[in-house]
Amino acid sequence: MLVCPKCRLPLVRYEKTYHCSARHSYDIAKKGYVNLVLGNQKISGDSKEMVDARTLFLSAGYYQALADKLIELLKEIKPDMLIDAGCGEGYYTRQFHDCGNQIIAFDLSKPALNTAAKLDRDTIYAIASIFDMPIGDASADCVVNIFAPTPIDEVNRILKKGGILIKVGPGAKHLHGLKEVLYDEVYDNEEESVELKGLTHIQRVNVTDQIHLISNDQIKALFMMTPYYWKTSQASAARLNTLTELSTEIDFLIDLYQK
């Protein structure tokens, strides 16, 4: 259940607002999400341009292999309450609708939640930092954390005993073909350690595939989704401008942890 970010009392929905018993209220936006960031807190998150790029790329189904594996794992876990910590535009979240009795998703990007909530009325979407989620202690059966920073202290706080964290990050060969275009020397990604404070690592699943992009718009959109977009020189990034096709590996690591 959502809690009030001011007093931490439970929030109850009344038509177009959420209220707590201390009479704090939060309006639900026309698109369907609620803003639970307090006025003195800074709202950041991905820009509309970044959200549009991810939507363009993901809607073509290039990462569906990852979504399918996550759905399979969640159906085995059968969570009552599922939290998506860093949901972005909701591509994965809206595919989880049969995987939990209640699904709540958080992100700091208004443009992202505009897209997510518009396309998915079954999920509760809220603007909030994943490092300070407006959820009660020990209330979640499962947290998914897909290509986002892992708020380990918050995960430990909100997970029930025995609850599961599903964390997704890049494998060694992820987007190797894209990097071959951008850089003269290409190195494998360094895979993160499986150790996380307070949690026991119980499983690692590797999902790999080969994808073939068929337009320059898709190639640029993929580039904008990656850390390379911020780290690559303009000269190297310009190599993508004339490409109309691109083949590349995708390589995901799914790590499961238990509290």
Protein backbone atom coordinates (compact mmCIF):
# COMPACT_ATOMS: atom_id res chain seq x y z
CA MET A 1 0.00 0.00 0.00
CA LEU A 2 1.15 3.53 -0.73
CA VAL A 3 1.97 5.71 2.25
CA CYS A 4 1.97 9.48 2.62
CA PRO A 5 5.44 10.95 1.98
CA LYS A 6 4.83 13.57 4.71
CA CYS A 7 3.62 11.46 7.63
CA ARG A 8 3.98 7.85 6.37
CA LEU A 9 0.34 7.04 7.12
CA PRO A 10 -1.48 4.82 4.58
CA LEU A 11 -2.90 6.51 1.50
CA VAL A 12 -6.42 5.71 0.31
CA ARG A 13 -7.71 6.56 -3.14
CA TYR A 14 -10.88 8.64 -3.48
CA GLU A 15 -11.75 9.11 -7.16
CA LYS A 16 -9.08 11.56 -8.38
CA THR A 17 -6.97 11.94 -5.24
CA TYR A 18 -5.09 9.99 -2.60
CA HIS A 19 -5.65 10.97 1.06
CA CYS A 20 -4.17 9.93 4.38
CA SER A 21 -5.92 10.19 7.76
CA ALA A 22 -3.81 13.28 8.57
CA ARG A 23 -5.62 15.01 5.65
CA HIS A 24 -2.66 15.25 3.33
CA SER A 25 -3.87 14.79 -0.24
CA TYR A 26 -2.27 14.14 -3.63
CA ASP A 27 -4.01 14.64 -6.95
CA ILE A 28 -4.00 11.97 -9.62
CA ALA A 29 -2.85 13.40 -12.95
CA LYS A 30 -5.03 13.11 -16.04
CA LYS A 31 -2.68 10.45 -17.42
CA GLY A 32 -3.27 8.35 -14.27
CA TYR A 33 -0.17 8.67 -12.07
CA VAL A 34 0.20 10.38 -8.70
CA ASN A 35 3.05 12.70 -7.75
CA LEU A 36 4.38 11.75 -4.32
CA VAL A 37 7.46 13.96 -4.39
CA LEU A 38 7.24 16.71 -1.77
CA GLY A 39 7.49 20.33 -2.86
CA ASN A 40 10.98 20.84 -1.41
CA GLN A 41 12.37 17.82 -3.25
CA LYS A 42 13.89 18.00 -6.70
CA ILE A 43 12.22 16.06 -9.52
CA SER A 44 14.60 14.89 -12.22
CA GLY A 45 14.62 11.65 -14.21
CA ASP A 46 14.70 11.04 -17.94
CA SER A 47 13.67 13.76 -20.38
CA LYS A 48 10.85 13.38 -22.90
CA GLU A 49 13.47 12.90 -25.61
CA MET A 50 15.00 9.97 -23.73
CA VAL A 51 11.59 8.47 -23.00
CA ASP A 52 10.53 8.75 -26.65
CA ALA A 53 13.74 7.00 -27.73
CA ARG A 54 13.19 4.09 -25.35
CA THR A 55 9.55 3.80 -26.37
CA LEU A 56 10.48 3.70 -30.07
CA PHE A 57 13.09 1.01 -29.55
CA LEU A 58 11.34 -1.19 -27.00
CA SER A 59 7.98 -1.13 -28.80
CA ALA A 60 9.68 -2.88 -31.74
CA GLY A 61 10.14 -5.93 -29.48
CA TYR A 62 13.93 -6.11 -29.51
CA TYR A 63 14.13 -6.81 -25.76
CA GLN A 64 11.10 -9.10 -25.59
CA ALA A 65 13.32 -12.07 -24.69
CA LEU A 66 14.15 -10.31 -21.43
CA ALA A 67 10.51 -9.47 -20.71
CA ASP A 68 9.46 -13.08 -21.35
CA LYS A 69 12.05 -14.45 -18.91
CA LEU A 70 11.06 -11.93 -16.23
CA ILE A 71 7.40 -12.90 -16.63
CA GLU A 72 8.35 -16.58 -16.29
CA LEU A 73 10.29 -15.91 -13.08
CA LEU A 74 7.54 -13.76 -11.58
CA LYS A 75 4.90 -16.39 -12.26
CA GLU A 76 7.03 -18.84 -10.29
CA ILE A 77 7.35 -16.38 -7.38
CA LYS A 78 3.63 -15.41 -7.43
CA PRO A 79 4.00 -12.16 -5.47
CA ASP A 80 0.97 -10.60 -3.81
CA MET A 81 2.54 -7.12 -3.97
CA LEU A 82 5.06 -6.41 -6.73
CA ILE A 83 7.11 -3.21 -6.79
CA ASP A 84 8.86 -1.92 -9.93
CA ALA A 85 11.68 0.32 -8.68
CA GLY A 86 12.63 2.54 -11.62
CA CYS A 87 9.89 1.62 -14.09
CA GLY A 88 10.63 4.23 -16.75
CA GLU A 89 8.02 4.32 -19.49
CA GLY A 90 6.52 1.05 -18.22
CA TYR A 91 7.46 -1.31 -21.06
CA TYR A 92 8.20 -4.18 -18.68
CA THR A 93 5.74 -3.14 -15.97
CA ARG A 94 2.64 -3.39 -18.13
CA GLN A 95 3.63 -6.92 -19.16
CA PHE A 96 3.62 -7.98 -15.50
CA HIS A 97 -0.14 -7.50 -15.05
CA ASP A 98 -0.76 -11.24 -14.59
CA CYS A 99 2.23 -11.67 -12.26
CA GLY A 100 1.03 -10.01 -9.05
CA ASN A 101 -2.20 -9.16 -7.26
CA GLN A 102 -1.09 -5.53 -6.80
CA ILE A 103 1.63 -3.78 -8.80
CA ILE A 104 3.07 -0.40 -7.86
CA ALA A 105 5.71 1.30 -9.99
CA PHE A 106 7.97 4.25 -9.15
CA ASP A 107 10.07 6.61 -11.24
CA LEU A 108 11.16 10.25 -10.99
CA SER A 109 10.51 11.11 -14.64
CA LYS A 110 7.18 12.80 -15.37
CA PRO A 111 7.52 12.17 -19.14
CA ALA A 112 8.13 8.48 -18.43
CA LEU A 113 5.09 8.13 -16.17
CA ASN A 114 2.95 10.07 -18.65
CA THR A 115 3.64 7.27 -21.12
CA ALA A 116 3.46 4.43 -18.59
CA ALA A 117 0.17 5.40 -16.96
CA LYS A 118 -1.52 6.27 -20.25
CA LEU A 119 -0.89 2.75 -21.57
CA ASP A 120 -1.55 0.83 -18.35
CA ARG A 121 -4.51 1.49 -16.08
CA ASP A 122 -4.00 -1.69 -14.04
CA THR A 123 -0.80 -0.54 -12.32
CA ILE A 124 -0.41 2.18 -9.69
CA TYR A 125 2.22 4.60 -11.00
CA ALA A 126 3.78 7.20 -8.71
CA ILE A 127 6.47 9.83 -9.12
CA ALA A 128 8.91 9.11 -6.30
CA SER A 129 12.58 8.41 -5.73
CA ILE A 130 13.38 4.72 -5.59
CA PHE A 131 15.73 5.64 -2.72
CA ASP A 132 12.74 6.85 -0.68
CA MET A 133 9.73 4.85 -1.83
CA PRO A 134 6.34 5.73 -0.28
CA ILE A 135 5.62 2.13 0.70
CA GLY A 136 5.24 0.63 4.17
CA ASP A 137 7.97 -1.40 5.86
CA ALA A 138 8.00 -5.13 5.00
CA SER A 139 5.07 -4.76 2.61
CA ALA A 140 6.45 -6.07 -0.71
CA ASP A 141 6.75 -9.69 -1.78
CA CYS A 142 8.95 -8.87 -4.76
CA VAL A 143 10.88 -5.88 -6.12
CA VAL A 144 12.05 -5.68 -9.73
CA ASN A 145 14.95 -3.34 -10.54
CA ILE A 146 15.67 -3.24 -14.27
CA PHE A 147 18.66 -1.28 -15.60
CA ALA A 148 18.36 1.17 -12.70
CA PRO A 149 20.46 1.91 -9.62
CA THR A 150 19.73 -0.56 -6.83
CA PRO A 151 18.41 1.20 -3.70
CA ILE A 152 19.58 -1.58 -1.43
CA ASP A 153 18.60 0.04 1.88
CA GLU A 154 15.08 0.71 0.60
CA VAL A 155 14.79 -2.78 -0.84
CA ASN A 156 15.72 -4.23 2.54
CA ARG A 157 13.18 -1.97 4.24
CA ILE A 158 10.18 -2.69 2.01
CA LEU A 159 10.70 -6.42 1.36
CA LYS A 160 8.96 -8.93 3.58
CA LYS A 161 11.07 -11.64 5.17
CA GLY A 162 11.59 -14.19 2.40
CA GLY A 163 10.78 -11.57 -0.24
CA ILE A 164 12.60 -11.53 -3.58
CA LEU A 165 14.60 -8.86 -5.41
CA ILE A 166 14.97 -9.35 -9.17
CA LYS A 167 17.82 -7.20 -10.47
CA VAL A 168 18.62 -6.84 -14.18
CA GLY A 169 21.87 -5.54 -15.65
CA PRO A 170 24.04 -5.95 -18.74
CA GLY A 171 26.06 -9.08 -19.42
CA ALA A 172 29.58 -9.11 -20.81
CA LYS A 173 28.59 -9.08 -24.50
CA HIS A 174 25.61 -6.72 -24.27
CA LEU A 175 25.44 -4.45 -27.36
CA HIS A 176 28.84 -5.58 -28.61
CA GLY A 177 27.84 -4.81 -32.19
CA LEU A 178 26.87 -1.24 -31.33
CA LYS A 179 30.18 -0.69 -29.55
CA GLU A 180 32.05 -1.99 -32.62
CA VAL A 181 30.61 0.92 -34.60
CA LEU A 182 31.35 3.53 -31.93
CA TYR A 183 34.83 2.55 -30.79
CA ASP A 184 38.11 1.41 -32.33
CA GLU A 185 38.80 -0.94 -29.42
CA VAL A 186 35.89 -2.87 -27.92
CA TYR A 187 35.93 -4.44 -24.48
CA ASP A 188 33.44 -6.72 -22.76
CA ASN A 189 31.24 -5.15 -20.12
CA GLU A 190 32.43 -5.67 -16.57
CA GLU A 191 29.81 -7.76 -14.81
CA GLU A 192 28.70 -6.53 -11.39
CA SER A 193 29.36 -8.52 -8.24
CA VAL A 194 26.39 -10.52 -7.00
CA GLU A 195 26.90 -9.42 -3.37
CA LEU A 196 24.20 -7.14 -1.94
CA LYS A 197 23.93 -6.11 1.70
CA GLY A 198 21.24 -7.90 3.68
CA LEU A 199 20.20 -10.24 0.85
CA THR A 200 21.14 -13.77 -0.16
CA HIS A 201 21.92 -14.38 -3.83
CA ILE A 202 19.90 -17.39 -4.94
CA GLN A 203 20.03 -17.51 -8.74
CA ARG A 204 21.60 -15.94 -11.84
CA VAL A 205 19.89 -16.25 -15.22
CA ASN A 206 21.63 -15.22 -18.44
CA VAL A 207 19.42 -14.13 -21.36
CA THR A 208 21.12 -13.69 -24.73
CA ASP A 209 19.94 -13.07 -28.26
CA GLN A 210 20.96 -11.48 -31.56
CA ILE A 211 18.90 -8.54 -32.82
CA HIS A 212 18.86 -6.77 -36.17
CA LEU A 213 17.77 -3.14 -36.26
CA ILE A 214 16.26 -1.99 -39.55
CA SER A 215 16.26 1.81 -39.44
CA ASN A 216 18.50 4.69 -38.46
CA ASP A 217 15.84 5.92 -36.04
CA GLN A 218 15.94 2.62 -34.17
CA ILE A 219 19.75 2.66 -34.07
CA LYS A 220 19.83 6.20 -32.67
CA ALA A 221 17.10 5.33 -30.17
CA LEU A 222 19.11 2.36 -28.89
CA PHE A 223 22.20 4.56 -28.58
CA MET A 224 20.27 7.10 -26.51
CA MET A 225 19.21 4.33 -24.10
CA THR A 226 22.81 3.45 -23.24
CA PRO A 227 25.52 5.01 -21.05
CA TYR A 228 27.56 5.39 -24.26
CA TYR A 229 25.29 8.28 -25.28
CA TRP A 230 26.84 10.40 -22.52
CA LYS A 231 30.39 9.08 -22.81
CA THR A 232 31.01 8.93 -26.56
CA SER A 233 32.66 11.79 -28.48
CA GLN A 234 30.61 13.56 -31.15
CA ALA A 235 32.98 12.27 -33.83
CA SER A 236 32.46 8.66 -32.75
CA ALA A 237 28.71 9.10 -32.35
CA ALA A 238 28.53 10.52 -35.87
CA ARG A 239 29.42 7.06 -37.20
CA LEU A 240 25.84 6.05 -36.49
CA ASN A 241 24.32 8.79 -38.66
CA THR A 242 24.50 6.92 -41.96
CA LEU A 243 23.65 3.44 -40.69
CA THR A 244 20.28 2.02 -41.71
CA GLU A 245 20.88 -1.49 -40.32
CA LEU A 246 22.71 -2.86 -37.31
CA SER A 247 23.14 -6.34 -35.86
CA THR A 248 24.22 -6.72 -32.26
CA GLU A 249 24.23 -9.15 -29.38
CA ILE A 250 21.99 -8.52 -26.40
CA ASP A 251 23.15 -10.05 -23.14
CA PHE A 252 21.24 -9.63 -19.86
CA LEU A 253 22.02 -10.84 -16.36
CA ILE A 254 19.04 -11.46 -14.09
CA ASP A 255 20.01 -11.90 -10.46
CA LEU A 256 17.54 -13.10 -7.82
CA TYR A 257 18.02 -12.35 -4.14
CA GLN A 258 16.06 -13.30 -1.04
CA LYS A 259 15.68 -11.35 2.19
